[in-house]
Amino acid sequence: MRRRTLLAAALPAGLTLTGRAHAADTLKLAVGQKGNWDTSVAELGQRAGIFRKQGLDLDILYTQGSGETLQAVLSSSAEIGVAGGTLGAIGAFSKGAPIRILGSQATGAGDLFWYVRADSRVQSLKDTNGKTVAFSTQGSSTNSVVLGFVDTFDIKPQLVATGGIPGTYTQVMSGQIDVGWSAAPYLLDAAESGKIRIVASGNDVPSMREQTVRVNVAHAAVLEARRPVIARFLVAYRETVRWMYQSADAAKAYAEFAGVPERLVKRLREEFFPNEAIWADRVTGIESLMSDAVRFKFIQAPLSKEQIERMIQITAA
């Protein structure tokens, strides 16, 4: 008995007598738009070992947009959805879907832009009556922005869900779609080289400049059953965001993961995604979100204070 006790004490922390380490908790994530700076938090944190420090192993599924992300959570294919459109989440909750907002994923829409081929006759959004204008998926932040374009500029385009950025670009360049969408840093090089022209930014819709346009979500049953695990996920998520803005290693890791020049990372952090834009601890612009959700027919009436408190469940830092 004494010999077995001494042997156990001599083993490295976390190992049993069989030599196995304690298994990390696995969390399944659905993440919209692989490779965007703001949607890379989980990937970069996993690669840097930050989530592992919290005893977590992330199983990441990438989607083409918020509609797919929210559906993955609601169908239990994923436990956490990253970068779900806020209006889409509000709309799903209002219809009785067991969706809970864990925190903000992105505030403001300045990273999103709409573009045309260089030879297009479209010079601005006011030239898009009867033209096809792209967004990713139903309920996404790009869906909310194009609806805002219609209202802000009093235009009547045909809005078309085109999925991810590469597929949208192909459709624009082949003439299937008049106005495509993208998110920095993707296609900035195409704009710089004159292949495309940027005609609009997500922040051209005034109400969205201070809104939380994308959120991180979980199924209510998952949040209830795995609250301590999700709390550890959020601790690691916050630590990763801090690291992404402070470390040269983070910039290099992102450039390698996203396949973009490292020189663009500084521009991303300063121009498109200041730190506060992807800080997770508060959902901003609730009043304007409710107004837009009604205006764009995501909900029939604003949610009550009690409903909002049930829907948004941010774990304190």
Protein backbone atom coordinates (compact mmCIF):
# COMPACT_ATOMS: atom_id res chain seq x y z
CA MET A 1 0.00 0.00 0.00
CA ARG A 2 2.83 2.38 0.95
CA ARG A 3 4.70 1.59 -2.29
CA ARG A 4 1.62 2.34 -4.42
CA THR A 5 1.10 5.65 -2.61
CA LEU A 6 4.72 6.69 -3.19
CA LEU A 7 4.48 5.75 -6.85
CA ALA A 8 1.35 7.83 -7.30
CA ALA A 9 2.96 10.82 -5.59
CA ALA A 10 5.93 10.59 -7.94
CA LEU A 11 3.82 10.85 -11.09
CA PRO A 12 3.39 14.19 -12.90
CA ALA A 13 0.27 16.14 -11.97
CA GLY A 14 -2.79 15.04 -13.92
CA LEU A 15 -1.52 11.47 -14.61
CA THR A 16 -2.97 8.28 -13.17
CA LEU A 17 -1.15 5.03 -12.50
CA THR A 18 -2.16 3.92 -16.00
CA GLY A 19 -0.20 6.86 -17.47
CA ARG A 20 -3.24 8.64 -18.90
CA ALA A 21 -3.85 12.38 -18.48
CA HIS A 22 -7.25 13.61 -17.40
CA ALA A 23 -9.29 14.17 -20.55
CA ALA A 24 -10.22 17.73 -21.44
CA ASP A 25 -13.87 18.66 -21.81
CA THR A 26 -14.84 18.86 -25.48
CA LEU A 27 -17.05 21.67 -26.75
CA LYS A 28 -18.54 21.57 -30.24
CA LEU A 29 -18.55 24.99 -31.92
CA ALA A 30 -20.26 26.23 -35.08
CA VAL A 31 -18.35 29.27 -36.34
CA GLY A 32 -19.52 31.50 -39.17
CA GLN A 33 -17.18 32.56 -42.00
CA LYS A 34 -13.86 30.79 -41.50
CA GLY A 35 -10.82 33.06 -41.48
CA ASN A 36 -12.31 36.44 -40.61
CA TRP A 37 -10.32 38.17 -37.85
CA ASP A 38 -13.23 38.28 -35.42
CA THR A 39 -14.35 34.70 -36.09
CA SER A 40 -10.83 33.34 -35.52
CA VAL A 41 -10.81 33.69 -31.72
CA ALA A 42 -11.58 30.02 -31.05
CA GLU A 43 -9.15 28.74 -33.69
CA LEU A 44 -6.25 30.96 -32.60
CA GLY A 45 -6.88 30.34 -28.89
CA GLN A 46 -6.94 26.61 -29.51
CA ARG A 47 -3.67 26.74 -31.47
CA ALA A 48 -2.03 28.85 -28.75
CA GLY A 49 -3.11 26.44 -26.00
CA ILE A 50 -5.26 29.04 -24.23
CA PHE A 51 -8.40 26.91 -24.20
CA ARG A 52 -6.35 23.90 -23.14
CA LYS A 53 -5.32 25.81 -20.01
CA GLN A 54 -9.00 25.84 -19.09
CA GLY A 55 -9.28 22.10 -19.69
CA LEU A 56 -11.09 22.49 -23.01
CA ASP A 57 -10.74 20.87 -26.42
CA LEU A 58 -12.70 22.67 -29.15
CA ASP A 59 -14.30 20.75 -32.02
CA ILE A 60 -14.87 23.53 -34.59
CA LEU A 61 -17.32 23.33 -37.49
CA TYR A 62 -17.24 26.26 -39.93
CA THR A 63 -20.43 27.50 -41.56
CA GLN A 64 -21.23 29.92 -44.37
CA GLY A 65 -23.11 32.32 -42.14
CA SER A 66 -25.39 32.98 -39.22
CA GLY A 67 -28.37 30.99 -40.51
CA GLU A 68 -26.30 27.80 -40.59
CA THR A 69 -24.63 28.65 -37.27
CA LEU A 70 -27.92 29.15 -35.41
CA GLN A 71 -29.40 26.03 -36.98
CA ALA A 72 -26.41 23.97 -35.87
CA VAL A 73 -26.97 25.09 -32.27
CA LEU A 74 -30.72 24.55 -32.33
CA SER A 75 -30.35 21.08 -33.87
CA SER A 76 -27.71 20.18 -31.24
CA SER A 77 -25.03 19.67 -33.90
CA ALA A 78 -23.04 22.30 -31.99
CA GLU A 79 -23.12 23.43 -28.38
CA ILE A 80 -21.94 27.00 -28.98
CA GLY A 81 -22.52 29.17 -32.03
CA VAL A 82 -19.94 31.88 -32.76
CA ALA A 83 -20.83 34.94 -34.85
CA GLY A 84 -24.57 34.47 -35.13
CA GLY A 85 -26.46 37.49 -36.44
CA THR A 86 -28.01 39.32 -33.49
CA LEU A 87 -31.31 39.98 -35.25
CA GLY A 88 -31.49 36.35 -36.32
CA ALA A 89 -30.95 35.22 -32.72
CA ILE A 90 -33.60 37.67 -31.48
CA GLY A 91 -36.03 36.44 -34.11
CA ALA A 92 -35.44 32.79 -33.23
CA PHE A 93 -35.86 33.50 -29.50
CA SER A 94 -39.11 35.38 -30.10
CA LYS A 95 -40.52 32.33 -31.89
CA GLY A 96 -39.78 30.12 -28.89
CA ALA A 97 -36.40 28.71 -29.94
CA PRO A 98 -34.29 27.75 -26.89
CA ILE A 99 -31.43 30.07 -27.83
CA ARG A 100 -29.39 32.04 -25.30
CA ILE A 101 -26.90 34.83 -26.02
CA LEU A 102 -23.60 34.31 -24.19
CA GLY A 103 -22.13 37.65 -25.18
CA SER A 104 -21.22 39.99 -27.99
CA GLN A 105 -19.13 38.72 -30.89
CA ALA A 106 -18.88 41.94 -32.94
CA THR A 107 -20.12 45.49 -32.46
CA GLY A 108 -20.49 47.73 -35.48
CA ALA A 109 -20.47 46.60 -39.10
CA GLY A 110 -17.49 48.48 -40.51
CA ASP A 111 -15.67 45.25 -41.36
CA LEU A 112 -18.39 44.34 -43.89
CA PHE A 113 -18.33 45.85 -47.35
CA TRP A 114 -20.18 45.52 -50.65
CA TYR A 115 -18.45 45.66 -54.01
CA VAL A 116 -18.92 45.42 -57.78
CA ARG A 117 -16.74 44.40 -60.69
CA ALA A 118 -14.46 47.17 -61.86
CA ASP A 119 -16.40 47.50 -65.12
CA SER A 120 -19.83 47.63 -63.45
CA ARG A 121 -22.09 50.61 -64.08
CA VAL A 122 -23.09 50.58 -60.42
CA GLN A 123 -21.34 53.49 -58.72
CA SER A 124 -23.26 53.49 -55.43
CA LEU A 125 -26.13 51.73 -53.72
CA LYS A 126 -28.52 54.23 -55.27
CA ASP A 127 -27.81 52.53 -58.61
CA THR A 128 -29.02 49.10 -57.43
CA ASN A 129 -32.76 49.29 -58.14
CA GLY A 130 -33.59 46.00 -59.85
CA LYS A 131 -30.01 44.75 -59.36
CA THR A 132 -28.97 41.70 -57.34
CA VAL A 133 -27.32 42.50 -54.00
CA ALA A 134 -25.71 39.69 -52.00
CA PHE A 135 -25.77 38.69 -48.34
CA SER A 136 -24.56 35.46 -46.73
CA THR A 137 -27.50 33.63 -45.13
CA GLN A 138 -30.92 34.44 -43.67
CA GLY A 139 -30.68 35.97 -40.20
CA SER A 140 -27.02 36.94 -40.57
CA SER A 141 -25.46 40.33 -39.91
CA THR A 142 -25.04 40.79 -43.69
CA ASN A 143 -28.76 40.10 -44.06
CA SER A 144 -29.50 42.83 -41.51
CA VAL A 145 -27.17 45.27 -43.28
CA VAL A 146 -28.70 44.82 -46.75
CA LEU A 147 -32.16 45.27 -45.27
CA GLY A 148 -30.80 48.45 -43.71
CA PHE A 149 -29.50 49.56 -47.11
CA VAL A 150 -32.99 49.20 -48.58
CA ASP A 151 -34.48 51.33 -45.82
CA THR A 152 -31.67 53.91 -45.56
CA PHE A 153 -31.27 54.59 -49.27
CA ASP A 154 -34.88 53.93 -50.34
CA ILE A 155 -33.83 51.39 -52.97
CA LYS A 156 -35.44 48.26 -54.40
CA PRO A 157 -32.75 45.71 -55.23
CA GLN A 158 -33.18 41.94 -55.36
CA LEU A 159 -31.53 40.55 -52.21
CA VAL A 160 -29.84 37.18 -52.76
CA ALA A 161 -28.30 34.78 -50.22
CA THR A 162 -24.96 33.77 -51.75
CA GLY A 163 -23.23 32.00 -48.83
CA GLY A 164 -19.55 32.53 -48.13
CA ILE A 165 -17.07 35.08 -49.44
CA PRO A 166 -15.26 32.94 -52.08
CA GLY A 167 -18.50 31.72 -53.66
CA THR A 168 -19.93 35.23 -53.68
CA TYR A 169 -16.81 36.58 -55.39
CA THR A 170 -17.10 33.94 -58.11
CA GLN A 171 -20.73 34.87 -58.72
CA VAL A 172 -19.89 38.57 -58.98
CA MET A 173 -16.94 38.09 -61.33
CA SER A 174 -18.97 35.73 -63.56
CA GLY A 175 -21.83 38.20 -63.79
CA GLN A 176 -24.40 36.18 -61.82
CA ILE A 177 -24.59 38.78 -59.02
CA ASP A 178 -24.32 42.55 -59.44
CA VAL A 179 -23.16 43.50 -55.94
CA GLY A 180 -21.23 41.10 -53.73
CA TRP A 181 -20.34 41.19 -50.05
CA SER A 182 -17.11 40.55 -48.18
CA ALA A 183 -15.45 41.16 -44.82
CA ALA A 184 -12.00 42.54 -44.15
CA PRO A 185 -9.35 41.37 -44.90
CA TYR A 186 -10.80 39.28 -47.71
CA LEU A 187 -10.85 40.93 -51.16
CA LEU A 188 -9.12 44.11 -49.97
CA ASP A 189 -6.27 43.05 -52.25
CA ALA A 190 -8.72 42.71 -55.17
CA ALA A 191 -9.90 46.25 -54.47
CA GLU A 192 -6.33 47.56 -54.26
CA SER A 193 -5.45 45.93 -57.59
CA GLY A 194 -8.52 47.35 -59.34
CA LYS A 195 -10.42 44.10 -59.94
CA ILE A 196 -13.37 45.30 -57.88
CA ARG A 197 -14.72 48.59 -56.51
CA ILE A 198 -16.12 48.95 -52.99
CA VAL A 199 -19.47 50.76 -53.08
CA ALA A 200 -20.72 50.46 -49.49
CA SER A 201 -19.78 49.66 -45.91
CA GLY A 202 -21.91 48.05 -43.23
CA ASN A 203 -21.59 51.24 -41.21
CA ASP A 204 -23.46 53.12 -43.96
CA VAL A 205 -26.54 51.97 -42.03
CA PRO A 206 -26.44 54.49 -39.14
CA SER A 207 -28.26 52.35 -36.57
CA MET A 208 -25.69 49.56 -36.86
CA ARG A 209 -22.60 51.60 -36.03
CA GLU A 210 -23.01 51.09 -32.27
CA GLN A 211 -25.02 47.89 -32.35
CA THR A 212 -23.80 44.44 -31.42
CA VAL A 213 -24.39 42.93 -34.85
CA ARG A 214 -23.16 39.41 -34.09
CA VAL A 215 -23.35 37.33 -30.92
CA ASN A 216 -22.14 34.05 -29.43
CA VAL A 217 -25.01 31.74 -28.52
CA ALA A 218 -25.80 28.41 -26.90
CA HIS A 219 -28.80 26.12 -26.67
CA ALA A 220 -30.62 26.77 -23.39
CA ALA A 221 -30.40 23.10 -22.39
CA VAL A 222 -26.65 23.04 -23.04
CA LEU A 223 -26.13 26.21 -21.00
CA GLU A 224 -28.08 24.70 -18.11
CA ALA A 225 -26.29 21.34 -18.23
CA ARG A 226 -22.74 22.60 -18.91
CA ARG A 227 -22.68 26.05 -17.35
CA PRO A 228 -19.28 25.57 -15.60
CA VAL A 229 -17.73 24.32 -18.85
CA ILE A 230 -19.14 27.24 -20.82
CA ALA A 231 -17.91 29.63 -18.11
CA ARG A 232 -14.39 28.27 -18.66
CA PHE A 233 -14.85 28.69 -22.41
CA LEU A 234 -15.69 32.36 -21.90
CA VAL A 235 -12.64 32.87 -19.66
CA ALA A 236 -10.42 31.46 -22.41
CA TYR A 237 -12.27 33.42 -25.09
CA ARG A 238 -11.57 36.70 -23.27
CA GLU A 239 -7.93 35.78 -22.73
CA THR A 240 -7.55 34.95 -26.42
CA VAL A 241 -9.01 38.30 -27.49
CA ARG A 242 -6.54 40.13 -25.25
CA TRP A 243 -3.68 38.05 -26.69
CA MET A 244 -4.79 38.74 -30.29
CA TYR A 245 -4.31 42.49 -29.74
CA GLN A 246 -1.11 42.35 -27.73
CA SER A 247 1.05 39.64 -29.27
CA ALA A 248 3.12 39.54 -32.44
CA ASP A 249 2.73 35.75 -32.27
CA ALA A 250 -1.04 36.19 -32.62
CA ALA A 251 -0.64 38.31 -35.75
CA LYS A 252 1.64 35.69 -37.29
CA ALA A 253 -0.69 32.83 -36.32
CA TYR A 254 -3.68 34.60 -37.85
CA ALA A 255 -1.82 35.39 -41.08
CA GLU A 256 -0.90 31.72 -41.42
CA PHE A 257 -4.40 30.48 -40.61
CA ALA A 258 -6.27 32.96 -42.81
CA GLY A 259 -3.72 32.96 -45.64
CA VAL A 260 -3.39 36.74 -45.66
CA PRO A 261 -0.25 38.94 -45.56
CA GLU A 262 0.90 39.65 -42.01
CA ARG A 263 1.10 43.37 -42.92
CA LEU A 264 -2.72 43.45 -43.10
CA VAL A 265 -3.17 42.39 -39.48
CA LYS A 266 -2.15 45.80 -38.10
CA ARG A 267 -4.71 47.45 -40.41
CA LEU A 268 -7.37 44.96 -39.32
CA ARG A 269 -6.81 45.66 -35.64
CA GLU A 270 -6.72 49.43 -35.99
CA GLU A 271 -9.13 50.20 -38.84
CA PHE A 272 -11.73 47.43 -38.94
CA PHE A 273 -11.64 45.67 -35.57
CA PRO A 274 -10.51 47.80 -32.63
CA ASN A 275 -10.33 45.68 -29.48
CA GLU A 276 -13.63 46.89 -28.08
CA ALA A 277 -15.43 45.79 -31.26
CA ILE A 278 -14.98 42.11 -30.42
CA TRP A 279 -15.02 42.28 -26.62
CA ALA A 280 -17.64 39.79 -25.45
CA ASP A 281 -18.95 41.21 -22.18
CA ARG A 282 -21.81 43.44 -23.29
CA VAL A 283 -24.49 43.58 -25.95
CA THR A 284 -24.95 47.19 -27.05
CA GLY A 285 -27.71 49.06 -28.82
CA ILE A 286 -30.59 47.01 -27.41
CA GLU A 287 -33.17 49.70 -28.15
CA SER A 288 -32.12 50.12 -31.78
CA LEU A 289 -31.79 46.34 -32.16
CA MET A 290 -35.41 45.94 -31.11
CA SER A 291 -36.47 48.70 -33.48
CA ASP A 292 -34.57 47.14 -36.40
CA ALA A 293 -35.84 43.66 -35.57
CA VAL A 294 -39.42 44.91 -35.86
CA ARG A 295 -38.69 47.07 -38.91
CA PHE A 296 -37.03 44.20 -40.78
CA LYS A 297 -39.72 41.73 -39.64
CA PHE A 298 -37.54 39.48 -37.50
CA ILE A 299 -40.05 40.00 -34.67
CA GLN A 300 -43.58 41.38 -34.48
CA ALA A 301 -43.06 43.52 -31.34
CA PRO A 302 -40.10 44.48 -29.15
CA LEU A 303 -39.16 41.92 -26.51
CA SER A 304 -40.00 42.78 -22.93
CA LYS A 305 -37.32 43.50 -20.33
CA GLU A 306 -37.94 40.06 -18.81
CA GLN A 307 -37.56 38.35 -22.20
CA ILE A 308 -34.33 40.21 -22.91
CA GLU A 309 -32.91 39.21 -19.52
CA ARG A 310 -33.79 35.58 -20.21
CA MET A 311 -32.31 35.70 -23.70
CA ILE A 312 -29.00 37.44 -22.82
CA GLN A 313 -27.03 35.53 -20.18
CA ILE A 314 -23.51 36.90 -20.00
CA THR A 315 -21.26 35.26 -17.43
CA ALA A 316 -19.35 37.88 -15.46
CA ALA A 317 -15.63 38.16 -16.20
